[in-house]
């Protein structure tokens, strides 16, 4: 008796959260953030022999980056 309304309420809350994240731009550019992690920043275990490409950072300038 109670489970169906609770399930509908949980579904509505999930749908509202999804729509809010879409409107906030959470899913706008999925490829940029994924490619930033592959860039070599010069620190860490990779040795830092190559600097991070400036073009890639400018293309992804709307993405918040750790350490900036």
PDB file of N, CA and C in Angstrom:
ATOM      1  N   UNK A   1       0.815  -1.195   0.000  1.00  0.00           N
ATOM      2  CA  UNK A   1       0.000   0.000   0.000  1.00  0.00           C
ATOM      3  C   UNK A   1       0.865   1.268   0.000  1.00  0.00           C
ATOM      4  N   UNK A   2       1.976   1.223   0.648  1.00  0.00           N
ATOM      5  CA  UNK A   2       2.831   2.391   0.765  1.00  0.00           C
ATOM      6  C   UNK A   2       3.974   2.357  -0.248  1.00  0.00           C
ATOM      7  N   UNK A   3       4.337   1.182  -0.715  1.00  0.00           N
ATOM      8  CA  UNK A   3       5.527   1.053  -1.556  1.00  0.00           C
ATOM      9  C   UNK A   3       5.394   1.742  -2.915  1.00  0.00           C
ATOM     10  N   UNK A   4       4.231   1.704  -3.518  1.00  0.00           N
ATOM     11  CA  UNK A   4       4.060   2.322  -4.842  1.00  0.00           C
ATOM     12  C   UNK A   4       4.204   3.849  -4.762  1.00  0.00           C
ATOM     13  N   UNK A   5       3.548   4.536  -3.828  1.00  0.00           N
ATOM     14  CA  UNK A   5       3.771   5.988  -3.736  1.00  0.00           C
ATOM     15  C   UNK A   5       5.216   6.353  -3.381  1.00  0.00           C
ATOM     16  N   UNK A   6       5.863   5.568  -2.543  1.00  0.00           N
ATOM     17  CA  UNK A   6       7.253   5.840  -2.192  1.00  0.00           C
ATOM     18  C   UNK A   6       8.142   5.663  -3.420  1.00  0.00           C
ATOM     19  N   UNK A   7       7.894   4.629  -4.217  1.00  0.00           N
ATOM     20  CA  UNK A   7       8.674   4.405  -5.431  1.00  0.00           C
ATOM     21  C   UNK A   7       8.449   5.531  -6.444  1.00  0.00           C
ATOM     22  N   UNK A   8       7.217   5.990  -6.584  1.00  0.00           N
ATOM     23  CA  UNK A   8       6.932   7.099  -7.491  1.00  0.00           C
ATOM     24  C   UNK A   8       7.600   8.389  -7.019  1.00  0.00           C
ATOM     25  N   UNK A   9       7.597   8.621  -5.726  1.00  0.00           N
ATOM     26  CA  UNK A   9       8.247   9.801  -5.163  1.00  0.00           C
ATOM     27  C   UNK A   9       9.754   9.746  -5.386  1.00  0.00           C
ATOM     28  N   UNK A  10      10.365   8.594  -5.180  1.00  0.00           N
ATOM     29  CA  UNK A  10      11.803   8.463  -5.400  1.00  0.00           C
ATOM     30  C   UNK A  10      12.147   8.649  -6.880  1.00  0.00           C
ATOM     31  N   UNK A  11      11.304   8.146  -7.768  1.00  0.00           N
ATOM     32  CA  UNK A  11      11.520   8.339  -9.194  1.00  0.00           C
ATOM     33  C   UNK A  11      11.416   9.805  -9.584  1.00  0.00           C
ATOM     34  N   UNK A  12      10.453  10.516  -9.010  1.00  0.00           N
ATOM     35  CA  UNK A  12      10.284  11.940  -9.300  1.00  0.00           C
ATOM     36  C   UNK A  12      11.469  12.749  -8.782  1.00  0.00           C
ATOM     37  N   UNK A  13      11.976  12.400  -7.616  1.00  0.00           N
ATOM     38  CA  UNK A  13      13.143  13.094  -7.065  1.00  0.00           C
ATOM     39  C   UNK A  13      14.361  12.847  -7.953  1.00  0.00           C
ATOM     40  N   UNK A  14      14.534  11.611  -8.405  1.00  0.00           N
ATOM     41  CA  UNK A  14      15.652  11.302  -9.301  1.00  0.00           C
ATOM     42  C   UNK A  14      15.546  12.034 -10.620  1.00  0.00           C
ATOM     43  N   UNK A  15      14.349  12.110 -11.174  1.00  0.00           N
ATOM     44  CA  UNK A  15      14.137  12.836 -12.431  1.00  0.00           C
ATOM     45  C   UNK A  15      14.419  14.326 -12.258  1.00  0.00           C
ATOM     46  N   UNK A  16      13.983  14.895 -11.153  1.00  0.00           N
ATOM     47  CA  UNK A  16      14.247  16.315 -10.887  1.00  0.00           C
ATOM     48  C   UNK A  16      15.743  16.582 -10.732  1.00  0.00           C
ATOM     49  N   UNK A  17      16.450  15.691 -10.058  1.00  0.00           N
ATOM     50  CA  UNK A  17      17.898  15.858  -9.903  1.00  0.00           C
ATOM     51  C   UNK A  17      18.606  15.768 -11.251  1.00  0.00           C
ATOM     52  N   UNK A  18      18.182  14.846 -12.103  1.00  0.00           N
ATOM     53  CA  UNK A  18      18.775  14.718 -13.426  1.00  0.00           C
ATOM     54  C   UNK A  18      18.515  15.959 -14.270  1.00  0.00           C
ATOM     55  N   UNK A  19      17.289  16.440 -14.276  1.00  0.00           N
ATOM     56  CA  UNK A  19      16.960  17.629 -15.066  1.00  0.00           C
ATOM     57  C   UNK A  19      17.708  18.860 -14.564  1.00  0.00           C
ATOM     58  N   UNK A  20      17.877  18.965 -13.267  1.00  0.00           N
ATOM     59  CA  UNK A  20      18.619  20.096 -12.717  1.00  0.00           C
ATOM     60  C   UNK A  20      20.086  20.050 -13.145  1.00  0.00           C
ATOM     61  N   UNK A  21      20.675  18.859 -13.150  1.00  0.00           N
ATOM     62  CA  UNK A  21      22.079  18.755 -13.566  1.00  0.00           C
ATOM     63  C   UNK A  21      22.245  19.024 -15.055  1.00  0.00           C
ATOM     64  N   UNK A  22      21.257  18.666 -15.865  1.00  0.00           N
ATOM     65  CA  UNK A  22      21.323  18.969 -17.298  1.00  0.00           C
ATOM     66  C   UNK A  22      21.226  20.470 -17.518  1.00  0.00           C
ATOM     67  N   UNK A  23      20.332  21.128 -16.819  1.00  0.00           N
ATOM     68  CA  UNK A  23      20.185  22.586 -16.963  1.00  0.00           C
ATOM     69  C   UNK A  23      21.409  23.338 -16.460  1.00  0.00           C
ATOM     70  N   UNK A  24      22.118  22.772 -15.488  1.00  0.00           N
ATOM     71  CA  UNK A  24      23.306  23.420 -14.942  1.00  0.00           C
ATOM     72  C   UNK A  24      24.532  23.213 -15.825  1.00  0.00           C
ATOM     73  N   UNK A  25      24.410  22.396 -16.865  1.00  0.00           N
ATOM     74  CA  UNK A  25      25.518  22.196 -17.781  1.00  0.00           C
ATOM     75  C   UNK A  25      26.458  21.081 -17.388  1.00  0.00           C
ATOM     76  N   UNK A  26      26.035  20.195 -16.523  1.00  0.00           N
ATOM     77  CA  UNK A  26      26.886  19.112 -16.059  1.00  0.00           C
ATOM     78  C   UNK A  26      27.317  18.191 -17.198  1.00  0.00           C
ATOM     79  N   UNK A  27      26.478  17.999 -18.190  1.00  0.00           N
ATOM     80  CA  UNK A  27      26.754  17.070 -19.281  1.00  0.00           C
ATOM     81  C   UNK A  27      27.087  17.789 -20.581  1.00  0.00           C
ATOM     82  N   UNK A  28      27.498  19.037 -20.511  1.00  0.00           N
ATOM     83  CA  UNK A  28      27.718  19.829 -21.709  1.00  0.00           C
ATOM     84  C   UNK A  28      28.904  19.330 -22.524  1.00  0.00           C
ATOM     85  N   UNK A  29      30.055  19.120 -21.904  1.00  0.00           N
ATOM     86  CA  UNK A  29      31.250  18.702 -22.633  1.00  0.00           C
ATOM     87  C   UNK A  29      31.905  17.549 -21.887  1.00  0.00           C
ATOM     88  N   UNK A  30      31.604  16.333 -22.293  1.00  0.00           N
ATOM     89  CA  UNK A  30      32.117  15.160 -21.609  1.00  0.00           C
ATOM     90  C   UNK A  30      33.535  14.808 -22.044  1.00  0.00           C
ATOM     91  N   UNK A  31      33.940  15.184 -23.250  1.00  0.00           N
ATOM     92  CA  UNK A  31      35.242  14.786 -23.766  1.00  0.00           C
ATOM     93  C   UNK A  31      36.383  15.635 -23.214  1.00  0.00           C
ATOM     94  N   UNK A  32      36.124  16.881 -22.911  1.00  0.00           N
ATOM     95  CA  UNK A  32      37.189  17.781 -22.478  1.00  0.00           C
ATOM     96  C   UNK A  32      37.762  17.349 -21.120  1.00  0.00           C
ATOM     97  N   UNK A  33      36.924  17.098 -20.165  1.00  0.00           N
ATOM     98  CA  UNK A  33      37.406  16.700 -18.845  1.00  0.00           C
ATOM     99  C   UNK A  33      38.107  15.349 -18.902  1.00  0.00           C
ATOM    100  N   UNK A  34      37.641  14.469 -19.774  1.00  0.00           N
ATOM    101  CA  UNK A  34      38.281  13.164 -19.901  1.00  0.00           C
ATOM    102  C   UNK A  34      39.657  13.276 -20.529  1.00  0.00           C
ATOM    103  N   UNK A  35      39.854  14.222 -21.432  1.00  0.00           N
ATOM    104  CA  UNK A  35      41.162  14.358 -22.067  1.00  0.00           C
ATOM    105  C   UNK A  35      42.145  15.131 -21.198  1.00  0.00           C
ATOM    106  N   UNK A  36      41.671  15.966 -20.294  1.00  0.00           N
ATOM    107  CA  UNK A  36      42.581  16.727 -19.437  1.00  0.00           C
ATOM    108  C   UNK A  36      43.387  15.828 -18.514  1.00  0.00           C
ATOM    109  N   UNK A  37      42.823  14.727 -18.085  1.00  0.00           N
ATOM    110  CA  UNK A  37      43.535  13.843 -17.170  1.00  0.00           C
ATOM    111  C   UNK A  37      44.696  13.144 -17.868  1.00  0.00           C
ATOM    112  N   UNK A  38      44.648  13.055 -19.189  1.00  0.00           N
ATOM    113  CA  UNK A  38      45.699  12.390 -19.939  1.00  0.00           C
ATOM    114  C   UNK A  38      46.882  13.310 -20.249  1.00  0.00           C
ATOM    115  N   UNK A  39      46.687  14.602 -20.070  1.00  0.00           N
ATOM    116  CA  UNK A  39      47.762  15.551 -20.369  1.00  0.00           C
ATOM    117  C   UNK A  39      48.841  15.492 -19.300  1.00  0.00           C
ATOM    118  N   UNK A  40      50.078  15.675 -19.700  1.00  0.00           N
ATOM    119  CA  UNK A  40      51.211  15.625 -18.791  1.00  0.00           C
ATOM    120  C   UNK A  40      51.451  17.021 -18.223  1.00  0.00           C
ATOM    121  N   UNK A  41      51.310  17.192 -16.922  1.00  0.00           N
ATOM    122  CA  UNK A  41      51.498  18.490 -16.279  1.00  0.00           C
ATOM    123  C   UNK A  41      52.927  18.718 -15.806  1.00  0.00           C
ATOM    124  N   UNK A  42      53.792  17.750 -15.984  1.00  0.00           N
ATOM    125  CA  UNK A  42      55.176  17.920 -15.559  1.00  0.00           C
ATOM    126  C   UNK A  42      55.433  17.431 -14.152  1.00  0.00           C
ATOM    127  N   UNK A  43      54.459  17.022 -13.440  1.00  0.00           N
ATOM    128  CA  UNK A  43      54.654  16.510 -12.093  1.00  0.00           C
ATOM    129  C   UNK A  43      54.224  15.061 -12.016  1.00  0.00           C
ATOM    130  N   UNK A  44      54.552  14.432 -10.948  1.00  0.00           N
ATOM    131  CA  UNK A  44      54.133  13.055 -10.772  1.00  0.00           C
ATOM    132  C   UNK A  44      55.174  12.059 -11.244  1.00  0.00           C
ATOM    133  N   UNK A  45      54.753  10.834 -11.447  1.00  0.00           N
ATOM    134  CA  UNK A  45      55.664   9.743 -11.756  1.00  0.00           C
ATOM    135  C   UNK A  45      56.081   9.709 -13.221  1.00  0.00           C
ATOM    136  N   UNK A  46      55.457  10.508 -14.087  1.00  0.00           N
ATOM    137  CA  UNK A  46      55.755  10.419 -15.515  1.00  0.00           C
ATOM    138  C   UNK A  46      57.065  11.102 -15.894  1.00  0.00           C
ATOM    139  N   UNK A  47      57.656  11.882 -15.012  1.00  0.00           N
ATOM    140  CA  UNK A  47      58.949  12.491 -15.301  1.00  0.00           C
ATOM    141  C   UNK A  47      58.857  13.921 -15.783  1.00  0.00           C
ATOM    142  N   UNK A  48      57.782  14.301 -16.424  1.00  0.00           N
ATOM    143  CA  UNK A  48      57.601  15.681 -16.846  1.00  0.00           C
ATOM    144  C   UNK A  48      58.489  16.097 -17.994  1.00  0.00           C
ATOM    145  N   UNK A  49      58.700  15.250 -18.980  1.00  0.00           N
ATOM    146  CA  UNK A  49      59.560  15.603 -20.092  1.00  0.00           C
ATOM    147  C   UNK A  49      58.870  16.457 -21.144  1.00  0.00           C
ATOM    148  N   UNK A  50      57.548  16.558 -21.098  1.00  0.00           N
ATOM    149  CA  UNK A  50      56.805  17.311 -22.100  1.00  0.00           C
ATOM    150  C   UNK A  50      55.804  18.227 -21.406  1.00  0.00           C
ATOM    151  N   UNK A  51      55.745  19.516 -21.727  1.00  0.00           N
ATOM    152  CA  UNK A  51      54.768  20.407 -21.093  1.00  0.00           C
ATOM    153  C   UNK A  51      53.351  20.159 -21.614  1.00  0.00           C
ATOM    154  N   UNK A  52      52.363  20.609 -20.855  1.00  0.00           N
ATOM    155  CA  UNK A  52      50.965  20.470 -21.248  1.00  0.00           C
ATOM    156  C   UNK A  52      50.659  21.376 -22.428  1.00  0.00           C
ATOM    157  N   UNK A  53      50.004  20.880 -23.464  1.00  0.00           N
ATOM    158  CA  UNK A  53      49.678  21.719 -24.627  1.00  0.00           C
ATOM    159  C   UNK A  53      48.754  22.869 -24.249  1.00  0.00           C
ATOM    160  N   UNK A  54      49.139  24.072 -24.668  1.00  0.00           N
ATOM    161  CA  UNK A  54      48.370  25.271 -24.337  1.00  0.00           C
ATOM    162  C   UNK A  54      47.010  25.281 -25.031  1.00  0.00           C
ATOM    163  N   UNK A  55      46.961  24.776 -26.264  1.00  0.00           N
ATOM    164  CA  UNK A  55      45.683  24.763 -26.998  1.00  0.00           C
ATOM    165  C   UNK A  55      44.627  23.935 -26.278  1.00  0.00           C
ATOM    166  N   UNK A  56      45.025  22.794 -25.749  1.00  0.00           N
ATOM    167  CA  UNK A  56      44.064  21.924 -25.062  1.00  0.00           C
ATOM    168  C   UNK A  56      43.530  22.598 -23.812  1.00  0.00           C
ATOM    169  N   UNK A  57      44.385  23.275 -23.082  1.00  0.00           N
ATOM    170  CA  UNK A  57      43.918  23.973 -21.881  1.00  0.00           C
ATOM    171  C   UNK A  57      42.973  25.115 -22.234  1.00  0.00           C
ATOM    172  N   UNK A  58      43.253  25.824 -23.339  1.00  0.00           N
ATOM    173  CA  UNK A  58      42.357  26.909 -23.727  1.00  0.00           C
ATOM    174  C   UNK A  58      41.017  26.378 -24.187  1.00  0.00           C
ATOM    175  N   UNK A  59      41.016  25.237 -24.882  1.00  0.00           N
ATOM    176  CA  UNK A  59      39.764  24.651 -25.325  1.00  0.00           C
ATOM    177  C   UNK A  59      38.916  24.227 -24.141  1.00  0.00           C
ATOM    178  N   UNK A  60      39.553  23.837 -23.070  1.00  0.00           N
ATOM    179  CA  UNK A  60      38.869  23.339 -21.879  1.00  0.00           C
ATOM    180  C   UNK A  60      38.884  24.355 -20.751  1.00  0.00           C
ATOM    181  N   UNK A  61      38.984  25.636 -21.055  1.00  0.00           N
ATOM    182  CA  UNK A  61      39.163  26.628 -19.985  1.00  0.00           C
ATOM    183  C   UNK A  61      37.945  26.745 -19.071  1.00  0.00           C
ATOM    184  N   UNK A  62      36.783  26.287 -19.495  1.00  0.00           N
ATOM    185  CA  UNK A  62      35.606  26.319 -18.628  1.00  0.00           C
ATOM    186  C   UNK A  62      35.590  25.207 -17.612  1.00  0.00           C
ATOM    187  N   UNK A  63      36.463  24.223 -17.763  1.00  0.00           N
ATOM    188  CA  UNK A  63      36.521  23.085 -16.849  1.00  0.00           C
ATOM    189  C   UNK A  63      37.431  23.439 -15.702  1.00  0.00           C
ATOM    190  N   UNK A  64      36.974  23.246 -14.463  1.00  0.00           N
ATOM    191  CA  UNK A  64      37.833  23.539 -13.329  1.00  0.00           C
ATOM    192  C   UNK A  64      38.896  22.458 -13.227  1.00  0.00           C
ATOM    193  N   UNK A  65      40.133  22.880 -12.979  1.00  0.00           N
ATOM    194  CA  UNK A  65      41.255  21.952 -12.941  1.00  0.00           C
ATOM    195  C   UNK A  65      41.894  22.001 -11.564  1.00  0.00           C
ATOM    196  N   UNK A  66      42.351  20.877 -11.084  1.00  0.00           N
ATOM    197  CA  UNK A  66      43.009  20.798  -9.798  1.00  0.00           C
ATOM    198  C   UNK A  66      44.363  21.483  -9.914  1.00  0.00           C
ATOM    199  N   UNK A  67      44.674  22.339  -8.969  1.00  0.00           N
ATOM    200  CA  UNK A  67      45.965  23.004  -8.949  1.00  0.00           C
ATOM    201  C   UNK A  67      45.981  24.350  -9.658  1.00  0.00           C
ATOM    202  N   UNK A  68      44.908  24.747 -10.327  1.00  0.00           N
ATOM    203  CA  UNK A  68      44.868  26.046 -11.008  1.00  0.00           C
ATOM    204  C   UNK A  68      44.254  27.095 -10.117  1.00  0.00           C
TER     205      UNK A  68
END
